PDB file of N, CA and C in Angstrom:
ATOM      1  N   VAL A   1      30.676 -27.186  -4.261  1.00  0.00           N
ATOM      2  CA  VAL A   1      30.172 -28.446  -3.744  1.00  0.00           C
ATOM      3  C   VAL A   1      29.780 -28.195  -2.300  1.00  0.00           C
ATOM      4  N   ALA A   2      28.510 -28.371  -1.997  1.00  0.00           N
ATOM      5  CA  ALA A   2      28.004 -28.105  -0.652  1.00  0.00           C
ATOM      6  C   ALA A   2      27.609 -29.403   0.026  1.00  0.00           C
ATOM      7  N   GLY A   3      28.130 -29.627   1.214  1.00  0.00           N
ATOM      8  CA  GLY A   3      27.771 -30.788   2.009  1.00  0.00           C
ATOM      9  C   GLY A   3      26.663 -30.423   2.976  1.00  0.00           C
ATOM     10  N   LEU A   4      25.485 -30.989   2.759  1.00  0.00           N
ATOM     11  CA  LEU A   4      24.334 -30.668   3.594  1.00  0.00           C
ATOM     12  C   LEU A   4      24.294 -31.573   4.819  1.00  0.00           C
ATOM     13  N   GLY A   5      23.655 -31.086   5.851  1.00  0.00           N
ATOM     14  CA  GLY A   5      23.482 -31.874   7.063  1.00  0.00           C
ATOM     15  C   GLY A   5      23.222 -30.969   8.247  1.00  0.00           C
ATOM     16  N   ASN A   6      23.341 -31.535   9.410  1.00  0.00           N
ATOM     17  CA  ASN A   6      23.230 -30.777  10.654  1.00  0.00           C
ATOM     18  C   ASN A   6      24.631 -30.653  11.230  1.00  0.00           C
ATOM     19  N   TYR A   7      25.166 -29.462  11.198  1.00  0.00           N
ATOM     20  CA  TYR A   7      26.578 -29.216  11.499  1.00  0.00           C
ATOM     21  C   TYR A   7      27.028 -29.833  12.818  1.00  0.00           C
ATOM     22  N   GLY A   8      26.262 -29.717  13.851  1.00  0.00           N
ATOM     23  CA  GLY A   8      26.678 -30.213  15.162  1.00  0.00           C
ATOM     24  C   GLY A   8      26.444 -31.689  15.380  1.00  0.00           C
ATOM     25  N   LEU A   9      25.886 -32.370  14.400  1.00  0.00           N
ATOM     26  CA  LEU A   9      25.550 -33.784  14.567  1.00  0.00           C
ATOM     27  C   LEU A   9      26.374 -34.657  13.631  1.00  0.00           C
ATOM     28  N   ARG A  10      27.665 -34.552  13.728  1.00  0.00           N
ATOM     29  CA  ARG A  10      28.555 -35.359  12.882  1.00  0.00           C
ATOM     30  C   ARG A  10      28.370 -36.833  13.183  1.00  0.00           C
ATOM     31  N   GLY A  11      28.618 -37.640  12.181  1.00  0.00           N
ATOM     32  CA  GLY A  11      28.545 -39.075  12.356  1.00  0.00           C
ATOM     33  C   GLY A  11      27.156 -39.653  12.171  1.00  0.00           C
ATOM     34  N   THR A  12      26.176 -38.821  11.830  1.00  0.00           N
ATOM     35  CA  THR A  12      24.827 -39.326  11.584  1.00  0.00           C
ATOM     36  C   THR A  12      24.597 -39.409  10.078  1.00  0.00           C
ATOM     37  N   ARG A  13      23.691 -40.258   9.687  1.00  0.00           N
ATOM     38  CA  ARG A  13      23.375 -40.394   8.264  1.00  0.00           C
ATOM     39  C   ARG A  13      22.897 -39.069   7.680  1.00  0.00           C
ATOM     40  N   HIS A  14      22.175 -38.309   8.476  1.00  0.00           N
ATOM     41  CA  HIS A  14      21.642 -37.035   7.995  1.00  0.00           C
ATOM     42  C   HIS A  14      22.747 -36.040   7.668  1.00  0.00           C
ATOM     43  N   SER A  15      23.925 -36.221   8.237  1.00  0.00           N
ATOM     44  CA  SER A  15      25.034 -35.295   7.996  1.00  0.00           C
ATOM     45  C   SER A  15      26.108 -35.901   7.095  1.00  0.00           C
ATOM     46  N   VAL A  16      25.728 -36.867   6.279  1.00  0.00           N
ATOM     47  CA  VAL A  16      26.685 -37.520   5.395  1.00  0.00           C
ATOM     48  C   VAL A  16      27.317 -36.530   4.407  1.00  0.00           C
ATOM     49  N   GLY A  17      26.597 -35.486   4.036  1.00  0.00           N
ATOM     50  CA  GLY A  17      27.149 -34.497   3.103  1.00  0.00           C
ATOM     51  C   GLY A  17      28.438 -33.879   3.624  1.00  0.00           C
ATOM     52  N   MET A  18      28.488 -33.590   4.903  1.00  0.00           N
ATOM     53  CA  MET A  18      29.699 -33.007   5.485  1.00  0.00           C
ATOM     54  C   MET A  18      30.829 -34.019   5.553  1.00  0.00           C
ATOM     55  N   ALA A  19      30.500 -35.278   5.821  1.00  0.00           N
ATOM     56  CA  ALA A  19      31.527 -36.323   5.844  1.00  0.00           C
ATOM     57  C   ALA A  19      32.144 -36.497   4.455  1.00  0.00           C
ATOM     58  N   VAL A  20      31.304 -36.440   3.418  1.00  0.00           N
ATOM     59  CA  VAL A  20      31.806 -36.541   2.050  1.00  0.00           C
ATOM     60  C   VAL A  20      32.724 -35.356   1.740  1.00  0.00           C
ATOM     61  N   LEU A  21      32.343 -34.156   2.176  1.00  0.00           N
ATOM     62  CA  LEU A  21      33.179 -32.974   1.931  1.00  0.00           C
ATOM     63  C   LEU A  21      34.518 -33.082   2.657  1.00  0.00           C
ATOM     64  N   ASP A  22      34.518 -33.619   3.878  1.00  0.00           N
ATOM     65  CA  ASP A  22      35.780 -33.828   4.593  1.00  0.00           C
ATOM     66  C   ASP A  22      36.689 -34.765   3.802  1.00  0.00           C
ATOM     67  N   ARG A  23      36.119 -35.833   3.296  1.00  0.00           N
ATOM     68  CA  ARG A  23      36.901 -36.799   2.518  1.00  0.00           C
ATOM     69  C   ARG A  23      37.399 -36.181   1.214  1.00  0.00           C
ATOM     70  N   LEU A  24      36.532 -35.444   0.537  1.00  0.00           N
ATOM     71  CA  LEU A  24      36.925 -34.776  -0.701  1.00  0.00           C
ATOM     72  C   LEU A  24      38.061 -33.790  -0.443  1.00  0.00           C
ATOM     73  N   ALA A  25      37.969 -33.033   0.633  1.00  0.00           N
ATOM     74  CA  ALA A  25      39.030 -32.073   0.978  1.00  0.00           C
ATOM     75  C   ALA A  25      40.356 -32.796   1.222  1.00  0.00           C
ATOM     76  N   ARG A  26      40.313 -33.955   1.879  1.00  0.00           N
ATOM     77  CA  ARG A  26      41.551 -34.728   2.091  1.00  0.00           C
ATOM     78  C   ARG A  26      42.116 -35.199   0.758  1.00  0.00           C
ATOM     79  N   GLN A  27      41.262 -35.694  -0.119  1.00  0.00           N
ATOM     80  CA  GLN A  27      41.719 -36.194  -1.418  1.00  0.00           C
ATOM     81  C   GLN A  27      42.300 -35.078  -2.283  1.00  0.00           C
ATOM     82  N   LEU A  28      41.780 -33.870  -2.124  1.00  0.00           N
ATOM     83  CA  LEU A  28      42.269 -32.722  -2.901  1.00  0.00           C
ATOM     84  C   LEU A  28      43.372 -31.964  -2.168  1.00  0.00           C
ATOM     85  N   ALA A  29      43.824 -32.504  -1.038  1.00  0.00           N
ATOM     86  CA  ALA A  29      44.912 -31.935  -0.238  1.00  0.00           C
ATOM     87  C   ALA A  29      44.618 -30.518   0.248  1.00  0.00           C
ATOM     88  N   VAL A  30      43.359 -30.259   0.628  1.00  0.00           N
ATOM     89  CA  VAL A  30      42.998 -28.946   1.177  1.00  0.00           C
ATOM     90  C   VAL A  30      42.333 -29.077   2.546  1.00  0.00           C
ATOM     91  N   ALA A  31      42.457 -30.242   3.171  1.00  0.00           N
ATOM     92  CA  ALA A  31      41.773 -30.487   4.446  1.00  0.00           C
ATOM     93  C   ALA A  31      42.216 -29.531   5.542  1.00  0.00           C
ATOM     94  N   GLU A  32      43.401 -28.998   5.437  1.00  0.00           N
ATOM     95  CA  GLU A  32      43.883 -28.035   6.434  1.00  0.00           C
ATOM     96  C   GLU A  32      43.468 -26.607   6.086  1.00  0.00           C
ATOM     97  N   GLY A  33      42.788 -26.443   4.959  1.00  0.00           N
ATOM     98  CA  GLY A  33      42.443 -25.108   4.481  1.00  0.00           C
ATOM     99  C   GLY A  33      41.044 -24.625   4.810  1.00  0.00           C
ATOM    100  N   TRP A  34      40.295 -25.386   5.622  1.00  0.00           N
ATOM    101  CA  TRP A  34      38.939 -24.937   5.971  1.00  0.00           C
ATOM    102  C   TRP A  34      39.001 -23.639   6.757  1.00  0.00           C
ATOM    103  N   ARG A  35      38.126 -22.695   6.431  1.00  0.00           N
ATOM    104  CA  ARG A  35      38.011 -21.443   7.186  1.00  0.00           C
ATOM    105  C   ARG A  35      36.533 -21.088   7.297  1.00  0.00           C
ATOM    106  N   ALA A  36      36.188 -20.451   8.382  1.00  0.00           N
ATOM    107  CA  ALA A  36      34.799 -20.042   8.586  1.00  0.00           C
ATOM    108  C   ALA A  36      34.508 -18.816   7.734  1.00  0.00           C
ATOM    109  N   ASP A  37      33.410 -18.845   7.009  1.00  0.00           N
ATOM    110  CA  ASP A  37      32.943 -17.687   6.242  1.00  0.00           C
ATOM    111  C   ASP A  37      31.576 -17.321   6.807  1.00  0.00           C
ATOM    112  N   ARG A  38      31.561 -16.322   7.646  1.00  0.00           N
ATOM    113  CA  ARG A  38      30.322 -15.909   8.316  1.00  0.00           C
ATOM    114  C   ARG A  38      29.297 -15.341   7.350  1.00  0.00           C
ATOM    115  N   ARG A  39      29.758 -14.877   6.191  1.00  0.00           N
ATOM    116  CA  ARG A  39      28.833 -14.288   5.222  1.00  0.00           C
ATOM    117  C   ARG A  39      27.825 -15.316   4.718  1.00  0.00           C
ATOM    118  N   CYS A  40      28.242 -16.554   4.624  1.00  0.00           N
ATOM    119  CA  CYS A  40      27.323 -17.599   4.146  1.00  0.00           C
ATOM    120  C   CYS A  40      27.119 -18.690   5.193  1.00  0.00           C
ATOM    121  N   CYS A  41      27.606 -18.470   6.400  1.00  0.00           N
ATOM    122  CA  CYS A  41      27.411 -19.400   7.517  1.00  0.00           C
ATOM    123  C   CYS A  41      27.879 -20.807   7.129  1.00  0.00           C
ATOM    124  N   ALA A  42      29.159 -20.894   6.703  1.00  0.00           N
ATOM    125  CA  ALA A  42      29.711 -22.179   6.269  1.00  0.00           C
ATOM    126  C   ALA A  42      31.213 -22.206   6.509  1.00  0.00           C
ATOM    127  N   ASP A  43      31.756 -23.408   6.610  1.00  0.00           N
ATOM    128  CA  ASP A  43      33.197 -23.602   6.532  1.00  0.00           C
ATOM    129  C   ASP A  43      33.512 -23.753   5.056  1.00  0.00           C
ATOM    130  N   VAL A  44      34.559 -23.069   4.587  1.00  0.00           N
ATOM    131  CA  VAL A  44      34.875 -23.016   3.168  1.00  0.00           C
ATOM    132  C   VAL A  44      36.320 -23.451   2.958  1.00  0.00           C
ATOM    133  N   ALA A  45      36.553 -24.218   1.907  1.00  0.00           N
ATOM    134  CA  ALA A  45      37.908 -24.562   1.463  1.00  0.00           C
ATOM    135  C   ALA A  45      37.926 -24.424  -0.058  1.00  0.00           C
ATOM    136  N   MET A  46      39.005 -23.891  -0.562  1.00  0.00           N
ATOM    137  CA  MET A  46      39.174 -23.728  -2.004  1.00  0.00           C
ATOM    138  C   MET A  46      40.069 -24.860  -2.500  1.00  0.00           C
ATOM    139  N   ALA A  47      39.749 -25.390  -3.685  1.00  0.00           N
ATOM    140  CA  ALA A  47      40.520 -26.496  -4.244  1.00  0.00           C
ATOM    141  C   ALA A  47      40.516 -26.400  -5.763  1.00  0.00           C
ATOM    142  N   ALA A  48      41.433 -27.120  -6.369  1.00  0.00           N
ATOM    143  CA  ALA A  48      41.476 -27.222  -7.826  1.00  0.00           C
ATOM    144  C   ALA A  48      41.511 -28.697  -8.194  1.00  0.00           C
ATOM    145  N   ALA A  49      40.767 -29.053  -9.243  1.00  0.00           N
ATOM    146  CA  ALA A  49      40.752 -30.431  -9.721  1.00  0.00           C
ATOM    147  C   ALA A  49      40.391 -30.439 -11.196  1.00  0.00           C
ATOM    148  N   HIS A  50      41.194 -31.125 -11.992  1.00  0.00           N
ATOM    149  CA  HIS A  50      40.923 -31.277 -13.428  1.00  0.00           C
ATOM    150  C   HIS A  50      40.675 -29.938 -14.112  1.00  0.00           C
ATOM    151  N   GLY A  51      41.457 -28.937 -13.750  1.00  0.00           N
ATOM    152  CA  GLY A  51      41.344 -27.625 -14.374  1.00  0.00           C
ATOM    153  C   GLY A  51      40.192 -26.775 -13.883  1.00  0.00           C
ATOM    154  N   LEU A  52      39.492 -27.227 -12.864  1.00  0.00           N
ATOM    155  CA  LEU A  52      38.375 -26.471 -12.315  1.00  0.00           C
ATOM    156  C   LEU A  52      38.741 -25.911 -10.952  1.00  0.00           C
ATOM    157  N   GLU A  53      38.233 -24.731 -10.654  1.00  0.00           N
ATOM    158  CA  GLU A  53      38.365 -24.169  -9.311  1.00  0.00           C
ATOM    159  C   GLU A  53      37.106 -24.555  -8.543  1.00  0.00           C
ATOM    160  N   LEU A  54      37.295 -25.181  -7.382  1.00  0.00           N
ATOM    161  CA  LEU A  54      36.174 -25.644  -6.573  1.00  0.00           C
ATOM    162  C   LEU A  54      36.082 -24.872  -5.275  1.00  0.00           C
ATOM    163  N   VAL A  55      34.882 -24.589  -4.868  1.00  0.00           N
ATOM    164  CA  VAL A  55      34.609 -24.035  -3.550  1.00  0.00           C
ATOM    165  C   VAL A  55      33.867 -25.129  -2.792  1.00  0.00           C
ATOM    166  N   LEU A  56      34.468 -25.620  -1.718  1.00  0.00           N
ATOM    167  CA  LEU A  56      33.855 -26.652  -0.892  1.00  0.00           C
ATOM    168  C   LEU A  56      33.189 -25.974   0.286  1.00  0.00           C
ATOM    169  N   LEU A  57      31.946 -26.329   0.552  1.00  0.00           N
ATOM    170  CA  LEU A  57      31.165 -25.696   1.620  1.00  0.00           C
ATOM    171  C   LEU A  57      30.630 -26.744   2.578  1.00  0.00           C
ATOM    172  N   LYS A  58      30.954 -26.604   3.856  1.00  0.00           N
ATOM    173  CA  LYS A  58      30.299 -27.377   4.909  1.00  0.00           C
ATOM    174  C   LYS A  58      29.402 -26.388   5.633  1.00  0.00           C
ATOM    175  N   LEU A  59      28.127 -26.513   5.407  1.00  0.00           N
ATOM    176  CA  LEU A  59      27.166 -25.532   5.901  1.00  0.00           C
ATOM    177  C   LEU A  59      26.972 -25.674   7.399  1.00  0.00           C
ATOM    178  N   ARG A  60      26.876 -24.546   8.101  1.00  0.00           N
ATOM    179  CA  ARG A  60      26.810 -24.528   9.565  1.00  0.00           C
ATOM    180  C   ARG A  60      25.400 -24.387  10.114  1.00  0.00           C
ATOM    181  N   ARG A  61      24.406 -24.470   9.274  1.00  0.00           N
ATOM    182  CA  ARG A  61      23.022 -24.352   9.740  1.00  0.00           C
ATOM    183  C   ARG A  61      22.406 -25.741   9.824  1.00  0.00           C
ATOM    184  N   PHE A  62      21.237 -25.819  10.458  1.00  0.00           N
ATOM    185  CA  PHE A  62      20.529 -27.086  10.466  1.00  0.00           C
ATOM    186  C   PHE A  62      20.010 -27.388   9.064  1.00  0.00           C
ATOM    187  N   MET A  63      19.791 -28.647   8.787  1.00  0.00           N
ATOM    188  CA  MET A  63      19.451 -29.129   7.449  1.00  0.00           C
ATOM    189  C   MET A  63      18.363 -28.300   6.783  1.00  0.00           C
ATOM    190  N   ASN A  64      17.302 -27.998   7.479  1.00  0.00           N
ATOM    191  CA  ASN A  64      16.181 -27.280   6.863  1.00  0.00           C
ATOM    192  C   ASN A  64      16.498 -25.827   6.542  1.00  0.00           C
ATOM    193  N   LEU A  65      17.643 -25.321   7.002  1.00  0.00           N
ATOM    194  CA  LEU A  65      18.046 -23.941   6.717  1.00  0.00           C
ATOM    195  C   LEU A  65      19.279 -23.868   5.820  1.00  0.00           C
ATOM    196  N   ASN A  66      19.789 -25.009   5.379  1.00  0.00           N
ATOM    197  CA  ASN A  66      20.994 -25.030   4.542  1.00  0.00           C
ATOM    198  C   ASN A  66      20.826 -24.228   3.257  1.00  0.00           C
ATOM    199  N   GLY A  67      19.619 -24.156   2.735  1.00  0.00           N
ATOM    200  CA  GLY A  67      19.380 -23.411   1.498  1.00  0.00           C
ATOM    201  C   GLY A  67      19.750 -21.948   1.619  1.00  0.00           C
ATOM    202  N   LEU A  68      19.575 -21.367   2.809  1.00  0.00           N
ATOM    203  CA  LEU A  68      19.970 -19.967   3.016  1.00  0.00           C
ATOM    204  C   LEU A  68      21.473 -19.800   2.843  1.00  0.00           C
ATOM    205  N   SER A  69      22.242 -20.757   3.350  1.00  0.00           N
ATOM    206  CA  SER A  69      23.699 -20.693   3.202  1.00  0.00           C
ATOM    207  C   SER A  69      24.120 -20.885   1.752  1.00  0.00           C
ATOM    208  N   VAL A  70      23.479 -21.817   1.060  1.00  0.00           N
ATOM    209  CA  VAL A  70      23.808 -22.048  -0.352  1.00  0.00           C
ATOM    210  C   VAL A  70      23.481 -20.802  -1.172  1.00  0.00           C
ATOM    211  N   ALA A  71      22.341 -20.182  -0.917  1.00  0.00           N
ATOM    212  CA  ALA A  71      21.967 -18.962  -1.646  1.00  0.00           C
ATOM    213  C   ALA A  71      22.961 -17.836  -1.373  1.00  0.00           C
ATOM    214  N   SER A  72      23.381 -17.679  -0.124  1.00  0.00           N
ATOM    215  CA  SER A  72      24.371 -16.649   0.210  1.00  0.00           C
ATOM    216  C   SER A  72      25.699 -16.936  -0.475  1.00  0.00           C
ATOM    217  N   ALA A  73      26.143 -18.194  -0.446  1.00  0.00           N
ATOM    218  CA  ALA A  73      27.405 -18.561  -1.094  1.00  0.00           C
ATOM    219  C   ALA A  73      27.331 -18.317  -2.600  1.00  0.00           C
ATOM    220  N   ALA A  74      26.186 -18.607  -3.199  1.00  0.00           N
ATOM    221  CA  ALA A  74      26.023 -18.383  -4.635  1.00  0.00           C
ATOM    222  C   ALA A  74      26.212 -16.907  -4.976  1.00  0.00           C
ATOM    223  N   GLU A  75      25.679 -16.043  -4.137  1.00  0.00           N
ATOM    224  CA  GLU A  75      25.829 -14.609  -4.368  1.00  0.00           C
ATOM    225  C   GLU A  75      27.272 -14.164  -4.133  1.00  0.00           C
ATOM    226  N   ILE A  76      27.869 -14.608  -3.043  1.00  0.00           N
ATOM    227  CA  ILE A  76      29.232 -14.202  -2.680  1.00  0.00           C
ATOM    228  C   ILE A  76      30.254 -14.676  -3.715  1.00  0.00           C
ATOM    229  N   TYR A  77      30.147 -15.943  -4.120  1.00  0.00           N
ATOM    230  CA  TYR A  77      31.139 -16.550  -5.017  1.00  0.00           C
ATOM    231  C   TYR A  77      30.708 -16.537  -6.481  1.00  0.00           C
ATOM    232  N   ASN A  78      29.587 -15.889  -6.766  1.00  0.00           N
ATOM    233  CA  ASN A  78      29.102 -15.709  -8.137  1.00  0.00           C
ATOM    234  C   ASN A  78      28.823 -17.049  -8.835  1.00  0.00           C
ATOM    235  N   PHE A  79      28.084 -17.933  -8.140  1.00  0.00           N
ATOM    236  CA  PHE A  79      27.683 -19.214  -8.710  1.00  0.00           C
ATOM    237  C   PHE A  79      26.355 -19.061  -9.423  1.00  0.00           C
ATOM    238  N   ARG A  80      26.191 -19.844 -10.465  1.00  0.00           N
ATOM    239  CA  ARG A  80      24.884 -20.028 -11.096  1.00  0.00           C
ATOM    240  C   ARG A  80      24.323 -21.347 -10.568  1.00  0.00           C
ATOM    241  N   PRO A  81      23.029 -21.558 -10.644  1.00  0.00           N
ATOM    242  CA  PRO A  81      22.474 -22.829 -10.146  1.00  0.00           C
ATOM    243  C   PRO A  81      23.172 -24.061 -10.729  1.00  0.00           C
ATOM    244  N   GLU A  82      23.520 -24.017 -12.010  1.00  0.00           N
ATOM    245  CA  GLU A  82      24.165 -25.178 -12.631  1.00  0.00           C
ATOM    246  C   GLU A  82      25.610 -25.401 -12.164  1.00  0.00           C
ATOM    247  N   ASP A  83      26.162 -24.445 -11.405  1.00  0.00           N
ATOM    248  CA  ASP A  83      27.510 -24.580 -10.847  1.00  0.00           C
ATOM    249  C   ASP A  83      27.519 -25.296  -9.504  1.00  0.00           C
ATOM    250  N   ILE A  84      26.355 -25.525  -8.924  1.00  0.00           N
ATOM    251  CA  ILE A  84      26.254 -25.997  -7.548  1.00  0.00           C
ATOM    252  C   ILE A  84      25.923 -27.486  -7.506  1.00  0.00           C
ATOM    253  N   TYR A  85      26.712 -28.216  -6.727  1.00  0.00           N
ATOM    254  CA  TYR A  85      26.446 -29.628  -6.442  1.00  0.00           C
ATOM    255  C   TYR A  85      26.152 -29.749  -4.955  1.00  0.00           C
ATOM    256  N   LEU A  86      25.053 -30.414  -4.626  1.00  0.00           N
ATOM    257  CA  LEU A  86      24.665 -30.636  -3.236  1.00  0.00           C
ATOM    258  C   LEU A  86      24.894 -32.100  -2.903  1.00  0.00           C
ATOM    259  N   VAL A  87      25.533 -32.356  -1.767  1.00  0.00           N
ATOM    260  CA  VAL A  87      25.751 -33.720  -1.299  1.00  0.00           C
ATOM    261  C   VAL A  87      24.896 -33.887  -0.052  1.00  0.00           C
ATOM    262  N   HIS A  88      23.971 -34.863  -0.081  1.00  0.00           N
ATOM    263  CA  HIS A  88      23.038 -35.026   1.035  1.00  0.00           C
ATOM    264  C   HIS A  88      22.580 -36.471   1.132  1.00  0.00           C
ATOM    265  N   ASP A  89      21.984 -36.797   2.243  1.00  0.00           N
ATOM    266  CA  ASP A  89      21.422 -38.134   2.410  1.00  0.00           C
ATOM    267  C   ASP A  89      20.077 -38.219   1.701  1.00  0.00           C
ATOM    268  N   ASP A  90      19.645 -39.441   1.480  1.00  0.00           N
ATOM    269  CA  ASP A  90      18.341 -39.687   0.867  1.00  0.00           C
ATOM    270  C   ASP A  90      17.833 -40.998   1.440  1.00  0.00           C
ATOM    271  N   LEU A  91      16.837 -40.920   2.297  1.00  0.00           N
ATOM    272  CA  LEU A  91      16.332 -42.118   2.962  1.00  0.00           C
ATOM    273  C   LEU A  91      15.676 -43.092   1.990  1.00  0.00           C
ATOM    274  N   ASP A  92      15.380 -42.637   0.771  1.00  0.00           N
ATOM    275  CA  ASP A  92      14.806 -43.527  -0.233  1.00  0.00           C
ATOM    276  C   ASP A  92      15.868 -44.385  -0.918  1.00  0.00           C
ATOM    277  N   LYS A  93      17.129 -44.130  -0.620  1.00  0.00           N
ATOM    278  CA  LYS A  93      18.235 -44.897  -1.202  1.00  0.00           C
ATOM    279  C   LYS A  93      18.867 -45.765  -0.127  1.00  0.00           C
ATOM    280  N   ALA A  94      19.347 -46.906  -0.528  1.00  0.00           N
ATOM    281  CA  ALA A  94      20.057 -47.783   0.409  1.00  0.00           C
ATOM    282  C   ALA A  94      21.346 -47.100   0.866  1.00  0.00           C
ATOM    283  N   LEU A  95      21.725 -47.328   2.100  1.00  0.00           N
ATOM    284  CA  LEU A  95      22.945 -46.749   2.647  1.00  0.00           C
ATOM    285  C   LEU A  95      24.134 -47.140   1.771  1.00  0.00           C
ATOM    286  N   GLY A  96      24.918 -46.163   1.365  1.00  0.00           N
ATOM    287  CA  GLY A  96      26.089 -46.398   0.531  1.00  0.00           C
ATOM    288  C   GLY A  96      25.839 -46.243  -0.958  1.00  0.00           C
ATOM    289  N   LYS A  97      24.603 -46.113  -1.376  1.00  0.00           N
ATOM    290  CA  LYS A  97      24.286 -45.914  -2.791  1.00  0.00           C
ATOM    291  C   LYS A  97      24.367 -44.432  -3.129  1.00  0.00           C
ATOM    292  N   VAL A  98      24.840 -44.130  -4.309  1.00  0.00           N
ATOM    293  CA  VAL A  98      25.041 -42.755  -4.749  1.00  0.00           C
ATOM    294  C   VAL A  98      24.242 -42.514  -6.026  1.00  0.00           C
ATOM    295  N   ALA A  99      23.664 -41.333  -6.141  1.00  0.00           N
ATOM    296  CA  ALA A  99      22.957 -40.952  -7.362  1.00  0.00           C
ATOM    297  C   ALA A  99      23.294 -39.504  -7.684  1.00  0.00           C
ATOM    298  N   ILE A 100      23.368 -39.190  -8.940  1.00  0.00           N
ATOM    299  CA  ILE A 100      23.553 -37.811  -9.384  1.00  0.00           C
ATOM    300  C   ILE A 100      22.309 -37.447 -10.168  1.00  0.00           C
ATOM    301  N   LYS A 101      21.700 -36.312  -9.818  1.00  0.00           N
ATOM    302  CA  LYS A 101      20.494 -35.899 -10.529  1.00  0.00           C
ATOM    303  C   LYS A 101      20.522 -34.395 -10.754  1.00  0.00           C
ATOM    304  N   LEU A 102      19.764 -33.969 -11.730  1.00  0.00           N
ATOM    305  CA  LEU A 102      19.609 -32.563 -12.039  1.00  0.00           C
ATOM    306  C   LEU A 102      18.239 -32.137 -11.548  1.00  0.00           C
ATOM    307  N   GLY A 103      18.195 -31.131 -10.679  1.00  0.00           N
ATOM    308  CA  GLY A 103      16.921 -30.655 -10.133  1.00  0.00           C
ATOM    309  C   GLY A 103      16.548 -31.418  -8.903  1.00  0.00           C
ATOM    310  N   GLY A 104      15.356 -31.154  -8.401  1.00  0.00           N
ATOM    311  CA  GLY A 104      14.894 -31.851  -7.216  1.00  0.00           C
ATOM    312  C   GLY A 104      13.897 -31.015  -6.449  1.00  0.00           C
ATOM    313  N   SER A 105      13.526 -31.537  -5.310  1.00  0.00           N
ATOM    314  CA  SER A 105      12.570 -30.874  -4.439  1.00  0.00           C
ATOM    315  C   SER A 105      12.842 -31.316  -3.011  1.00  0.00           C
ATOM    316  N   ALA A 106      11.964 -30.943  -2.106  1.00  0.00           N
ATOM    317  CA  ALA A 106      12.111 -31.345  -0.713  1.00  0.00           C
ATOM    318  C   ALA A 106      12.031 -32.859  -0.571  1.00  0.00           C
ATOM    319  N   ARG A 107      11.431 -33.544  -1.478  1.00  0.00           N
ATOM    320  CA  ARG A 107      11.379 -35.010  -1.452  1.00  0.00           C
ATOM    321  C   ARG A 107      12.608 -35.528  -2.136  1.00  0.00           C
TER     322      ARG A 107
END
């Protein structure tokens, strides 16, 4: 699960992905387990939920470069595209609304 955003700009709508990851880490009792992984330029925490092993990623690059970190993490942690969930803002959605979709583009 990767939280997209601009790492240094916490508290902005554009960085909501990282806020969601912080909350998820607290709910999974791994909030103290974040560690920097320079190989994929992200803060990483490992968690387990419902029999699944999760890798939580707070990407440390600016939004337009987050894909490089996700690609590196996929290689390092042996993810397939269908294993990856991205959490990000969407200006086409009302604030607080959530959608889950398969696939996507820059829009």
